[in-house]
Amino acid sequence: MPWVAVVGGINLDILGRSFAPLIPADSNPGAVRLSLGGVGRNVAHNLALLGTRVFLLTALAGDGWEARIRAGCAAAGIDLTRACRVPAGVTSTYLAIEGLAGDLELAICDNTLADHITPAYLEGCLDVLNGAAAVVLDANLSPETLAWLAERCTAPLFADPVSVTKAEKLRPILDRLFLCKPNRLEAELLSGLPITDRPSLELAAEKLLAAGLRRVCISLGSRGLYCAWGEARCLVPCPETKLVNASGGGDALAAGLVRAFLDSLPPEEAARFALACSAIAVEGEDTINPALSLDAVRKRIKMQSVK
């Protein structure tokens, strides 16, 4: 069975949601939840829910969260057998505050543990990387590690820029990436062009393709997903969604694009598949919605097509 290798971090997610409109510089009544997260882990978990065999190449801290992380990944179907262990490390933590509607208001991420995902470690995982049908990386990795992956990986590379600040690290390796999934702000940074309308969106995508990317998928939030590869160009709207928790939508979208590639879906079908994954993800209470599955995605697409 083909597998996907994901190179990225694992976080402990601390998610707080206000019961009322947020009041800055004050204590806001709300609910706080703890769960496992991290872009790499979330993409891997979503891929597993979509029936994909997945290895997560990551660093594990030898602190009090290690056992929970290992158990959680095993239950999710994520293979951690090639992860490296940092005995004196501290588990990465993501602290997020959501508003009344479930939209992200503010977040802080301490992911210094990802610095241990080094070329020296990954050198021992080349069999997993180059035997994979696809390799997913995120911009939380160091520039040195990203450059090493771009040079040494022979499998198609899929990249998630993560944030505007971190997206800059992808610029030197754009010509080695197979697919990049920026949002509008990240696409503006990487292309150097403002995106204000459909023509400027298309121009930014063309510039990214000219930089060497094989496929560009620009997430436009509630406006949908713009995909450009080969001769195809399409802007696919989001399906109807009941937003509960927006924090996992982007990771599910990335997983959906990888799975669509494995299934050889053409651009518009790939976009609809990925958007359906994202829609299901944000309808769950937690960052990962266990309701995600191939059947659930196909039903969502079919339901949307008849409306």
C-alpha atoms as a PDB file:
ATOM      1  CA  MET A   1       0.000   0.000   0.000  1.00  0.00           C
ATOM      2  CA  PRO A   2       1.440   3.427  -0.927  1.00  0.00           C
ATOM      3  CA  TRP A   3       2.210   5.738   1.948  1.00  0.00           C
ATOM      4  CA  VAL A   4       2.593   9.440   2.580  1.00  0.00           C
ATOM      5  CA  ALA A   5       5.440  10.801   4.694  1.00  0.00           C
ATOM      6  CA  VAL A   6       4.653  13.948   6.680  1.00  0.00           C
ATOM      7  CA  VAL A   7       7.566  15.953   8.063  1.00  0.00           C
ATOM      8  CA  GLY A   8       6.447  18.328  10.780  1.00  0.00           C
ATOM      9  CA  GLY A   9       5.688  18.913  14.406  1.00  0.00           C
ATOM     10  CA  ILE A  10       3.298  17.748  17.094  1.00  0.00           C
ATOM     11  CA  ASN A  11       1.763  20.272  19.458  1.00  0.00           C
ATOM     12  CA  LEU A  12      -0.294  20.237  22.569  1.00  0.00           C
ATOM     13  CA  ASP A  13      -3.207  22.488  21.561  1.00  0.00           C
ATOM     14  CA  ILE A  14      -4.817  24.689  24.191  1.00  0.00           C
ATOM     15  CA  LEU A  15      -7.965  26.131  22.628  1.00  0.00           C
ATOM     16  CA  GLY A  16     -10.080  28.721  24.391  1.00  0.00           C
ATOM     17  CA  ARG A  17     -13.438  29.981  23.132  1.00  0.00           C
ATOM     18  CA  SER A  18     -15.265  32.960  24.557  1.00  0.00           C
ATOM     19  CA  PHE A  19     -18.934  32.714  25.540  1.00  0.00           C
ATOM     20  CA  ALA A  20     -19.445  36.348  24.541  1.00  0.00           C
ATOM     21  CA  PRO A  21     -17.779  38.940  22.285  1.00  0.00           C
ATOM     22  CA  LEU A  22     -14.142  39.178  23.359  1.00  0.00           C
ATOM     23  CA  ILE A  23     -13.100  42.085  25.551  1.00  0.00           C
ATOM     24  CA  PRO A  24      -9.395  42.908  25.006  1.00  0.00           C
ATOM     25  CA  ALA A  25      -7.084  43.103  28.024  1.00  0.00           C
ATOM     26  CA  ASP A  26      -9.653  41.357  30.238  1.00  0.00           C
ATOM     27  CA  SER A  27     -10.575  37.886  31.499  1.00  0.00           C
ATOM     28  CA  ASN A  28     -13.290  36.484  29.234  1.00  0.00           C
ATOM     29  CA  PRO A  29     -15.632  33.687  30.341  1.00  0.00           C
ATOM     30  CA  GLY A  30     -15.398  30.706  28.047  1.00  0.00           C
ATOM     31  CA  ALA A  31     -14.400  27.095  27.587  1.00  0.00           C
ATOM     32  CA  VAL A  32     -10.849  25.696  27.323  1.00  0.00           C
ATOM     33  CA  ARG A  33      -9.971  22.379  25.684  1.00  0.00           C
ATOM     34  CA  LEU A  34      -6.746  20.392  25.423  1.00  0.00           C
ATOM     35  CA  SER A  35      -6.007  18.248  22.374  1.00  0.00           C
ATOM     36  CA  LEU A  36      -3.150  17.043  20.217  1.00  0.00           C
ATOM     37  CA  GLY A  37      -2.276  19.248  17.259  1.00  0.00           C
ATOM     38  CA  GLY A  38       0.511  20.666  15.143  1.00  0.00           C
ATOM     39  CA  VAL A  39       0.300  21.203  11.393  1.00  0.00           C
ATOM     40  CA  GLY A  40       2.257  18.061  10.572  1.00  0.00           C
ATOM     41  CA  ARG A  41       0.355  15.883  13.019  1.00  0.00           C
ATOM     42  CA  ASN A  42      -3.010  17.316  11.960  1.00  0.00           C
ATOM     43  CA  VAL A  43      -2.356  16.707   8.275  1.00  0.00           C
ATOM     44  CA  ALA A  44      -1.189  13.173   9.096  1.00  0.00           C
ATOM     45  CA  HIS A  45      -4.300  12.511  11.209  1.00  0.00           C
ATOM     46  CA  ASN A  46      -6.623  13.764   8.477  1.00  0.00           C
ATOM     47  CA  LEU A  47      -4.824  11.647   5.891  1.00  0.00           C
ATOM     48  CA  ALA A  48      -5.274   8.589   8.123  1.00  0.00           C
ATOM     49  CA  LEU A  49      -9.002   9.346   8.433  1.00  0.00           C
ATOM     50  CA  LEU A  50      -9.080   9.430   4.630  1.00  0.00           C
ATOM     51  CA  GLY A  51      -7.733   5.887   4.539  1.00  0.00           C
ATOM     52  CA  THR A  52      -4.103   6.749   3.802  1.00  0.00           C
ATOM     53  CA  ARG A  53      -1.099   4.992   5.280  1.00  0.00           C
ATOM     54  CA  VAL A  54       1.010   7.749   6.820  1.00  0.00           C
ATOM     55  CA  PHE A  55       4.401   8.087   8.509  1.00  0.00           C
ATOM     56  CA  LEU A  56       5.014  11.157  10.672  1.00  0.00           C
ATOM     57  CA  LEU A  57       8.677  12.150  10.822  1.00  0.00           C
ATOM     58  CA  THR A  58       8.836  14.377  13.863  1.00  0.00           C
ATOM     59  CA  ALA A  59      10.519  15.051  17.192  1.00  0.00           C
ATOM     60  CA  LEU A  60       9.083  13.823  20.498  1.00  0.00           C
ATOM     61  CA  ALA A  61      10.005  15.384  23.831  1.00  0.00           C
ATOM     62  CA  GLY A  62      10.776  13.169  26.794  1.00  0.00           C
ATOM     63  CA  ASP A  63       8.372  15.040  29.061  1.00  0.00           C
ATOM     64  CA  GLY A  64       5.034  14.204  30.620  1.00  0.00           C
ATOM     65  CA  TRP A  65       3.139  14.447  27.324  1.00  0.00           C
ATOM     66  CA  GLU A  66       5.105  11.835  25.387  1.00  0.00           C
ATOM     67  CA  ALA A  67       2.957   8.847  26.382  1.00  0.00           C
ATOM     68  CA  ARG A  68      -0.267  10.685  25.515  1.00  0.00           C
ATOM     69  CA  ILE A  69       1.127  11.755  22.153  1.00  0.00           C
ATOM     70  CA  ARG A  70       2.268   8.245  21.267  1.00  0.00           C
ATOM     71  CA  ALA A  71      -1.060   6.734  22.307  1.00  0.00           C
ATOM     72  CA  GLY A  72      -3.041   9.390  20.440  1.00  0.00           C
ATOM     73  CA  CYS A  73      -1.082   8.924  17.230  1.00  0.00           C
ATOM     74  CA  ALA A  74      -1.353   5.131  17.457  1.00  0.00           C
ATOM     75  CA  ALA A  75      -5.123   5.387  17.899  1.00  0.00           C
ATOM     76  CA  ALA A  76      -5.308   7.716  14.897  1.00  0.00           C
ATOM     77  CA  GLY A  77      -3.343   5.348  12.669  1.00  0.00           C
ATOM     78  CA  ILE A  78      -0.244   7.551  12.444  1.00  0.00           C
ATOM     79  CA  ASP A  79       3.059   5.659  12.271  1.00  0.00           C
ATOM     80  CA  LEU A  80       5.608   7.199  14.676  1.00  0.00           C
ATOM     81  CA  THR A  81       8.162   4.413  14.443  1.00  0.00           C
ATOM     82  CA  ARG A  82      10.706   6.674  12.729  1.00  0.00           C
ATOM     83  CA  ALA A  83      10.233   9.714  14.986  1.00  0.00           C
ATOM     84  CA  CYS A  84      13.253  11.011  16.882  1.00  0.00           C
ATOM     85  CA  ARG A  85      13.172  11.425  20.664  1.00  0.00           C
ATOM     86  CA  VAL A  86      14.603  14.456  22.484  1.00  0.00           C
ATOM     87  CA  PRO A  87      14.834  13.392  26.172  1.00  0.00           C
ATOM     88  CA  ALA A  88      15.429  16.917  27.496  1.00  0.00           C
ATOM     89  CA  GLY A  89      12.984  18.562  25.091  1.00  0.00           C
ATOM     90  CA  VAL A  90       9.667  20.236  25.854  1.00  0.00           C
ATOM     91  CA  THR A  91       6.517  19.399  23.894  1.00  0.00           C
ATOM     92  CA  SER A  92       5.513  22.160  21.499  1.00  0.00           C
ATOM     93  CA  THR A  93       2.431  24.108  22.582  1.00  0.00           C
ATOM     94  CA  TYR A  94      -0.163  26.022  20.568  1.00  0.00           C
ATOM     95  CA  LEU A  95      -2.336  28.478  22.465  1.00  0.00           C
ATOM     96  CA  ALA A  96      -5.361  29.810  20.566  1.00  0.00           C
ATOM     97  CA  ILE A  97      -8.268  32.083  21.462  1.00  0.00           C
ATOM     98  CA  GLU A  98     -11.459  31.856  19.436  1.00  0.00           C
ATOM     99  CA  GLY A  99     -14.299  34.333  19.337  1.00  0.00           C
ATOM    100  CA  LEU A 100     -17.978  33.625  19.859  1.00  0.00           C
ATOM    101  CA  ALA A 101     -18.448  32.433  16.267  1.00  0.00           C
ATOM    102  CA  GLY A 102     -15.500  30.024  16.423  1.00  0.00           C
ATOM    103  CA  ASP A 103     -13.152  32.187  14.369  1.00  0.00           C
ATOM    104  CA  LEU A 104      -9.511  32.461  15.440  1.00  0.00           C
ATOM    105  CA  GLU A 105      -8.791  35.774  17.187  1.00  0.00           C
ATOM    106  CA  LEU A 106      -5.236  35.236  18.425  1.00  0.00           C
ATOM    107  CA  ALA A 107      -2.690  32.447  18.742  1.00  0.00           C
ATOM    108  CA  ILE A 108       0.807  31.845  20.056  1.00  0.00           C
ATOM    109  CA  CYS A 109       2.877  28.827  19.081  1.00  0.00           C
ATOM    110  CA  ASP A 110       5.975  27.572  20.904  1.00  0.00           C
ATOM    111  CA  ASN A 111       7.425  24.970  18.553  1.00  0.00           C
ATOM    112  CA  THR A 112      11.127  25.081  19.311  1.00  0.00           C
ATOM    113  CA  LEU A 113      11.090  21.273  19.468  1.00  0.00           C
ATOM    114  CA  ALA A 114      10.773  21.301  15.666  1.00  0.00           C
ATOM    115  CA  ASP A 115      14.399  22.497  15.544  1.00  0.00           C
ATOM    116  CA  HIS A 116      15.317  18.876  16.258  1.00  0.00           C
ATOM    117  CA  ILE A 117      13.812  17.769  12.935  1.00  0.00           C
ATOM    118  CA  THR A 118      17.211  18.143  11.307  1.00  0.00           C
ATOM    119  CA  PRO A 119      18.878  16.926   8.099  1.00  0.00           C
ATOM    120  CA  ALA A 120      20.998  14.586  10.217  1.00  0.00           C
ATOM    121  CA  TYR A 121      17.866  12.940  11.616  1.00  0.00           C
ATOM    122  CA  LEU A 122      16.065  12.825   8.273  1.00  0.00           C
ATOM    123  CA  GLU A 123      19.106  11.275   6.565  1.00  0.00           C
ATOM    124  CA  GLY A 124      18.217   8.102   8.444  1.00  0.00           C
ATOM    125  CA  CYS A 125      14.657   8.279   7.086  1.00  0.00           C
ATOM    126  CA  LEU A 126      15.447   8.549   3.370  1.00  0.00           C
ATOM    127  CA  ASP A 127      13.906   5.145   2.710  1.00  0.00           C
ATOM    128  CA  VAL A 128      10.574   6.385   4.095  1.00  0.00           C
ATOM    129  CA  LEU A 129      10.819   9.739   2.302  1.00  0.00           C
ATOM    130  CA  ASN A 130      11.855   8.483  -1.117  1.00  0.00           C
ATOM    131  CA  GLY A 131       9.605   5.452  -0.980  1.00  0.00           C
ATOM    132  CA  ALA A 132       6.554   7.628  -0.344  1.00  0.00           C
ATOM    133  CA  ALA A 133       3.905   8.517  -2.914  1.00  0.00           C
ATOM    134  CA  ALA A 134       4.058  12.069  -1.535  1.00  0.00           C
ATOM    135  CA  VAL A 135       5.952  14.001   1.135  1.00  0.00           C
ATOM    136  CA  VAL A 136       4.213  16.762   3.072  1.00  0.00           C
ATOM    137  CA  LEU A 137       6.236  19.447   4.817  1.00  0.00           C
ATOM    138  CA  ASP A 138       5.303  22.598   6.671  1.00  0.00           C
ATOM    139  CA  ALA A 139       7.097  25.891   7.099  1.00  0.00           C
ATOM    140  CA  ASN A 140       7.598  25.346  10.830  1.00  0.00           C
ATOM    141  CA  LEU A 141      10.731  23.458   9.786  1.00  0.00           C
ATOM    142  CA  SER A 142      14.071  25.242   9.742  1.00  0.00           C
ATOM    143  CA  PRO A 143      15.377  26.702   6.466  1.00  0.00           C
ATOM    144  CA  GLU A 144      18.212  24.144   6.560  1.00  0.00           C
ATOM    145  CA  THR A 145      15.795  21.240   6.865  1.00  0.00           C
ATOM    146  CA  LEU A 146      13.545  22.602   4.120  1.00  0.00           C
ATOM    147  CA  ALA A 147      16.542  23.005   1.814  1.00  0.00           C
ATOM    148  CA  TRP A 148      17.701  19.453   2.596  1.00  0.00           C
ATOM    149  CA  LEU A 149      14.257  18.029   1.839  1.00  0.00           C
ATOM    150  CA  ALA A 150      14.102  19.956  -1.426  1.00  0.00           C
ATOM    151  CA  GLU A 151      17.485  18.566  -2.466  1.00  0.00           C
ATOM    152  CA  ARG A 152      17.247  14.969  -1.249  1.00  0.00           C
ATOM    153  CA  CYS A 153      13.579  14.022  -1.660  1.00  0.00           C
ATOM    154  CA  THR A 154      12.641  12.326  -4.915  1.00  0.00           C
ATOM    155  CA  ALA A 155       8.935  12.009  -4.021  1.00  0.00           C
ATOM    156  CA  PRO A 156       6.554  14.896  -4.876  1.00  0.00           C
ATOM    157  CA  LEU A 157       6.777  17.610  -2.202  1.00  0.00           C
ATOM    158  CA  PHE A 158       3.602  19.237  -0.857  1.00  0.00           C
ATOM    159  CA  ALA A 159       4.086  22.365   1.270  1.00  0.00           C
ATOM    160  CA  ASP A 160       1.908  24.249   3.733  1.00  0.00           C
ATOM    161  CA  PRO A 161       3.225  27.789   4.387  1.00  0.00           C
ATOM    162  CA  VAL A 162       1.540  27.810   7.862  1.00  0.00           C
ATOM    163  CA  SER A 163       1.622  31.616   8.255  1.00  0.00           C
ATOM    164  CA  VAL A 164       2.766  34.778   6.510  1.00  0.00           C
ATOM    165  CA  THR A 165       5.795  34.964   8.795  1.00  0.00           C
ATOM    166  CA  LYS A 166       6.876  31.392   8.105  1.00  0.00           C
ATOM    167  CA  ALA A 167       5.949  31.300   4.412  1.00  0.00           C
ATOM    168  CA  GLU A 168       9.082  33.255   3.539  1.00  0.00           C
ATOM    169  CA  LYS A 169      11.122  30.128   4.302  1.00  0.00           C
ATOM    170  CA  LEU A 170       9.552  28.419   1.276  1.00  0.00           C
ATOM    171  CA  ARG A 171      10.687  31.017  -1.243  1.00  0.00           C
ATOM    172  CA  PRO A 172      14.155  29.468  -1.887  1.00  0.00           C
ATOM    173  CA  ILE A 173      12.643  26.052  -2.633  1.00  0.00           C
ATOM    174  CA  LEU A 174       9.558  26.978  -4.663  1.00  0.00           C
ATOM    175  CA  ASP A 175      11.093  25.466  -7.786  1.00  0.00           C
ATOM    176  CA  ARG A 176      11.481  22.104  -6.006  1.00  0.00           C
ATOM    177  CA  LEU A 177       7.920  21.897  -4.701  1.00  0.00           C
ATOM    178  CA  PHE A 178       5.190  19.937  -6.430  1.00  0.00           C
ATOM    179  CA  LEU A 179       2.282  21.730  -4.736  1.00  0.00           C
ATOM    180  CA  CYS A 180       1.969  24.695  -2.394  1.00  0.00           C
ATOM    181  CA  LYS A 181      -1.214  25.634  -0.517  1.00  0.00           C
ATOM    182  CA  PRO A 182      -0.961  29.281   0.565  1.00  0.00           C
ATOM    183  CA  ASN A 183      -3.837  31.406   1.752  1.00  0.00           C
ATOM    184  CA  ARG A 184      -4.334  34.827   0.147  1.00  0.00           C
ATOM    185  CA  LEU A 185      -1.867  36.651   2.405  1.00  0.00           C
ATOM    186  CA  GLU A 186       0.780  33.939   2.018  1.00  0.00           C
ATOM    187  CA  ALA A 187       0.280  33.939  -1.758  1.00  0.00           C
ATOM    188  CA  GLU A 188       0.759  37.709  -1.796  1.00  0.00           C
ATOM    189  CA  LEU A 189       4.034  37.344   0.082  1.00  0.00           C
ATOM    190  CA  LEU A 190       5.396  34.528  -2.082  1.00  0.00           C
ATOM    191  CA  SER A 191       4.323  36.101  -5.380  1.00  0.00           C
ATOM    192  CA  GLY A 192       5.092  39.690  -4.408  1.00  0.00           C
ATOM    193  CA  LEU A 193       1.728  40.769  -5.799  1.00  0.00           C
ATOM    194  CA  PRO A 194      -1.376  42.115  -4.021  1.00  0.00           C
ATOM    195  CA  ILE A 195      -4.505  40.014  -4.512  1.00  0.00           C
ATOM    196  CA  THR A 196      -7.588  42.210  -4.673  1.00  0.00           C
ATOM    197  CA  ASP A 197      -9.758  40.606  -7.361  1.00  0.00           C
ATOM    198  CA  ARG A 198      -9.934  37.650  -9.766  1.00  0.00           C
ATOM    199  CA  PRO A 199      -7.391  39.025 -12.288  1.00  0.00           C
ATOM    200  CA  SER A 200      -4.818  39.753  -9.551  1.00  0.00           C
ATOM    201  CA  LEU A 201      -5.466  36.308  -8.051  1.00  0.00           C
ATOM    202  CA  GLU A 202      -4.771  34.678 -11.390  1.00  0.00           C
ATOM    203  CA  LEU A 203      -1.659  36.790 -11.917  1.00  0.00           C
ATOM    204  CA  ALA A 204      -0.256  35.820  -8.512  1.00  0.00           C
ATOM    205  CA  ALA A 205      -0.866  32.140  -9.249  1.00  0.00           C
ATOM    206  CA  GLU A 206       0.857  32.448 -12.629  1.00  0.00           C
ATOM    207  CA  LYS A 207       3.877  34.055 -11.004  1.00  0.00           C
ATOM    208  CA  LEU A 208       4.116  31.186  -8.512  1.00  0.00           C
ATOM    209  CA  LEU A 209       3.900  28.669 -11.352  1.00  0.00           C
ATOM    210  CA  ALA A 210       6.625  30.590 -13.174  1.00  0.00           C
ATOM    211  CA  ALA A 211       8.795  30.215 -10.059  1.00  0.00           C
ATOM    212  CA  GLY A 212       8.757  26.461 -10.654  1.00  0.00           C
ATOM    213  CA  LEU A 213       5.767  25.170  -8.715  1.00  0.00           C
ATOM    214  CA  ARG A 214       3.876  22.400 -10.488  1.00  0.00           C
ATOM    215  CA  ARG A 215       0.584  23.083  -8.718  1.00  0.00           C
ATOM    216  CA  VAL A 216      -0.742  26.141  -6.877  1.00  0.00           C
ATOM    217  CA  CYS A 217      -3.826  26.010  -4.654  1.00  0.00           C
ATOM    218  CA  ILE A 218      -4.688  29.344  -3.037  1.00  0.00           C
ATOM    219  CA  SER A 219      -7.125  29.152  -0.140  1.00  0.00           C
ATOM    220  CA  LEU A 220      -9.513  32.109  -0.075  1.00  0.00           C
ATOM    221  CA  GLY A 221     -11.357  31.288   3.137  1.00  0.00           C
ATOM    222  CA  SER A 222     -15.111  31.502   2.683  1.00  0.00           C
ATOM    223  CA  ARG A 223     -14.634  32.357  -1.017  1.00  0.00           C
ATOM    224  CA  GLY A 224     -13.265  28.921  -1.824  1.00  0.00           C
ATOM    225  CA  LEU A 225     -10.115  27.528  -3.421  1.00  0.00           C
ATOM    226  CA  TYR A 226      -8.303  28.643  -6.575  1.00  0.00           C
ATOM    227  CA  CYS A 227      -6.317  25.904  -8.301  1.00  0.00           C
ATOM    228  CA  ALA A 228      -3.854  26.263 -11.141  1.00  0.00           C
ATOM    229  CA  TRP A 229      -1.884  23.469 -12.712  1.00  0.00           C
ATOM    230  CA  GLY A 230      -1.245  22.296 -16.220  1.00  0.00           C
ATOM    231  CA  GLU A 231      -3.731  24.086 -18.461  1.00  0.00           C
ATOM    232  CA  ALA A 232      -6.468  24.125 -15.821  1.00  0.00           C
ATOM    233  CA  ARG A 233      -7.535  27.183 -13.820  1.00  0.00           C
ATOM    234  CA  CYS A 234     -10.552  27.043 -11.511  1.00  0.00           C
ATOM    235  CA  LEU A 235     -12.059  28.874  -8.567  1.00  0.00           C
ATOM    236  CA  VAL A 236     -14.276  26.478  -6.642  1.00  0.00           C
ATOM    237  CA  PRO A 237     -16.625  27.867  -3.970  1.00  0.00           C
ATOM    238  CA  CYS A 238     -16.861  26.443  -0.464  1.00  0.00           C
ATOM    239  CA  PRO A 239     -19.671  24.006   0.253  1.00  0.00           C
ATOM    240  CA  GLU A 240     -22.326  24.968   2.753  1.00  0.00           C
ATOM    241  CA  THR A 241     -20.817  24.637   6.202  1.00  0.00           C
ATOM    242  CA  LYS A 242     -21.970  24.976   9.805  1.00  0.00           C
ATOM    243  CA  LEU A 243     -18.856  26.455  11.399  1.00  0.00           C
ATOM    244  CA  VAL A 244     -18.104  25.133  14.878  1.00  0.00           C
ATOM    245  CA  ASN A 245     -14.299  25.345  15.093  1.00  0.00           C
ATOM    246  CA  ALA A 246     -12.228  26.968  12.345  1.00  0.00           C
ATOM    247  CA  SER A 247      -8.825  25.874  13.649  1.00  0.00           C
ATOM    248  CA  GLY A 248      -8.531  22.615  11.688  1.00  0.00           C
ATOM    249  CA  GLY A 249      -9.885  23.660   8.308  1.00  0.00           C
ATOM    250  CA  GLY A 250      -6.567  24.421   6.638  1.00  0.00           C
ATOM    251  CA  ASP A 251      -4.923  21.172   7.736  1.00  0.00           C
ATOM    252  CA  ALA A 252      -7.866  19.135   6.437  1.00  0.00           C
ATOM    253  CA  LEU A 253      -7.726  21.073   3.163  1.00  0.00           C
ATOM    254  CA  ALA A 254      -4.045  20.179   2.791  1.00  0.00           C
ATOM    255  CA  ALA A 255      -4.744  16.510   3.517  1.00  0.00           C
ATOM    256  CA  GLY A 256      -7.564  16.558   0.981  1.00  0.00           C
ATOM    257  CA  LEU A 257      -5.275  17.905  -1.729  1.00  0.00           C
ATOM    258  CA  VAL A 258      -2.734  15.164  -1.026  1.00  0.00           C
ATOM    259  CA  ARG A 259      -5.400  12.463  -1.093  1.00  0.00           C
ATOM    260  CA  ALA A 260      -6.825  13.910  -4.319  1.00  0.00           C
ATOM    261  CA  PHE A 261      -3.345  13.624  -5.843  1.00  0.00           C
ATOM    262  CA  LEU A 262      -3.081   9.987  -4.760  1.00  0.00           C
ATOM    263  CA  ASP A 263      -6.440   9.350  -6.418  1.00  0.00           C
ATOM    264  CA  SER A 264      -5.405  11.229  -9.600  1.00  0.00           C
ATOM    265  CA  LEU A 265      -8.318  13.659  -9.428  1.00  0.00           C
ATOM    266  CA  PRO A 266      -8.346  16.517 -11.975  1.00  0.00           C
ATOM    267  CA  PRO A 267      -8.107  20.087 -10.649  1.00  0.00           C
ATOM    268  CA  GLU A 268     -11.765  20.964 -10.142  1.00  0.00           C
ATOM    269  CA  GLU A 269     -12.579  17.587  -8.597  1.00  0.00           C
ATOM    270  CA  ALA A 270      -9.488  17.853  -6.397  1.00  0.00           C
ATOM    271  CA  ALA A 271     -10.607  21.288  -5.196  1.00  0.00           C
ATOM    272  CA  ARG A 272     -14.112  20.055  -4.388  1.00  0.00           C
ATOM    273  CA  PHE A 273     -12.685  17.061  -2.549  1.00  0.00           C
ATOM    274  CA  ALA A 274     -10.300  19.203  -0.471  1.00  0.00           C
ATOM    275  CA  LEU A 275     -12.984  21.794   0.318  1.00  0.00           C
ATOM    276  CA  ALA A 276     -15.351  19.039   1.455  1.00  0.00           C
ATOM    277  CA  CYS A 277     -12.617  17.756   3.789  1.00  0.00           C
ATOM    278  CA  SER A 278     -12.208  21.257   5.206  1.00  0.00           C
ATOM    279  CA  ALA A 279     -15.967  21.728   5.620  1.00  0.00           C
ATOM    280  CA  ILE A 280     -16.304  18.517   7.599  1.00  0.00           C
ATOM    281  CA  ALA A 281     -13.289  19.434   9.730  1.00  0.00           C
ATOM    282  CA  VAL A 282     -14.658  22.818  10.838  1.00  0.00           C
ATOM    283  CA  GLU A 283     -17.990  21.283  11.801  1.00  0.00           C
ATOM    284  CA  GLY A 284     -16.363  19.367  14.666  1.00  0.00           C
ATOM    285  CA  GLU A 285     -15.668  20.586  18.193  1.00  0.00           C
ATOM    286  CA  ASP A 286     -11.963  19.760  18.016  1.00  0.00           C
ATOM    287  CA  THR A 287      -9.196  20.504  15.525  1.00  0.00           C
ATOM    288  CA  ILE A 288      -9.650  17.019  14.066  1.00  0.00           C
ATOM    289  CA  ASN A 289     -13.195  15.903  13.309  1.00  0.00           C
ATOM    290  CA  PRO A 290     -13.406  12.087  13.592  1.00  0.00           C
ATOM    291  CA  ALA A 291     -16.407  12.212  11.236  1.00  0.00           C
ATOM    292  CA  LEU A 292     -14.015  12.796   8.328  1.00  0.00           C
ATOM    293  CA  SER A 293     -13.769   9.811   5.984  1.00  0.00           C
ATOM    294  CA  LEU A 294     -13.713   9.080   2.273  1.00  0.00           C
ATOM    295  CA  ASP A 295     -17.404   8.175   2.372  1.00  0.00           C
ATOM    296  CA  ALA A 296     -18.291  11.352   4.273  1.00  0.00           C
ATOM    297  CA  VAL A 297     -16.384  13.505   1.775  1.00  0.00           C
ATOM    298  CA  ARG A 298     -18.001  11.831  -1.220  1.00  0.00           C
ATOM    299  CA  LYS A 299     -21.448  12.241   0.306  1.00  0.00           C
ATOM    300  CA  ARG A 300     -20.767  15.931   0.988  1.00  0.00           C
ATOM    301  CA  ILE A 301     -19.675  16.486  -2.613  1.00  0.00           C
ATOM    302  CA  LYS A 302     -22.721  14.651  -3.968  1.00  0.00           C
ATOM    303  CA  MET A 303     -25.054  16.562  -1.658  1.00  0.00           C
ATOM    304  CA  GLN A 304     -23.539  19.867  -2.775  1.00  0.00           C
ATOM    305  CA  SER A 305     -23.762  19.010  -6.475  1.00  0.00           C
ATOM    306  CA  VAL A 306     -27.533  18.525  -6.372  1.00  0.00           C
ATOM    307  CA  LYS A 307     -28.178  21.933  -4.785  1.00  0.00           C
END
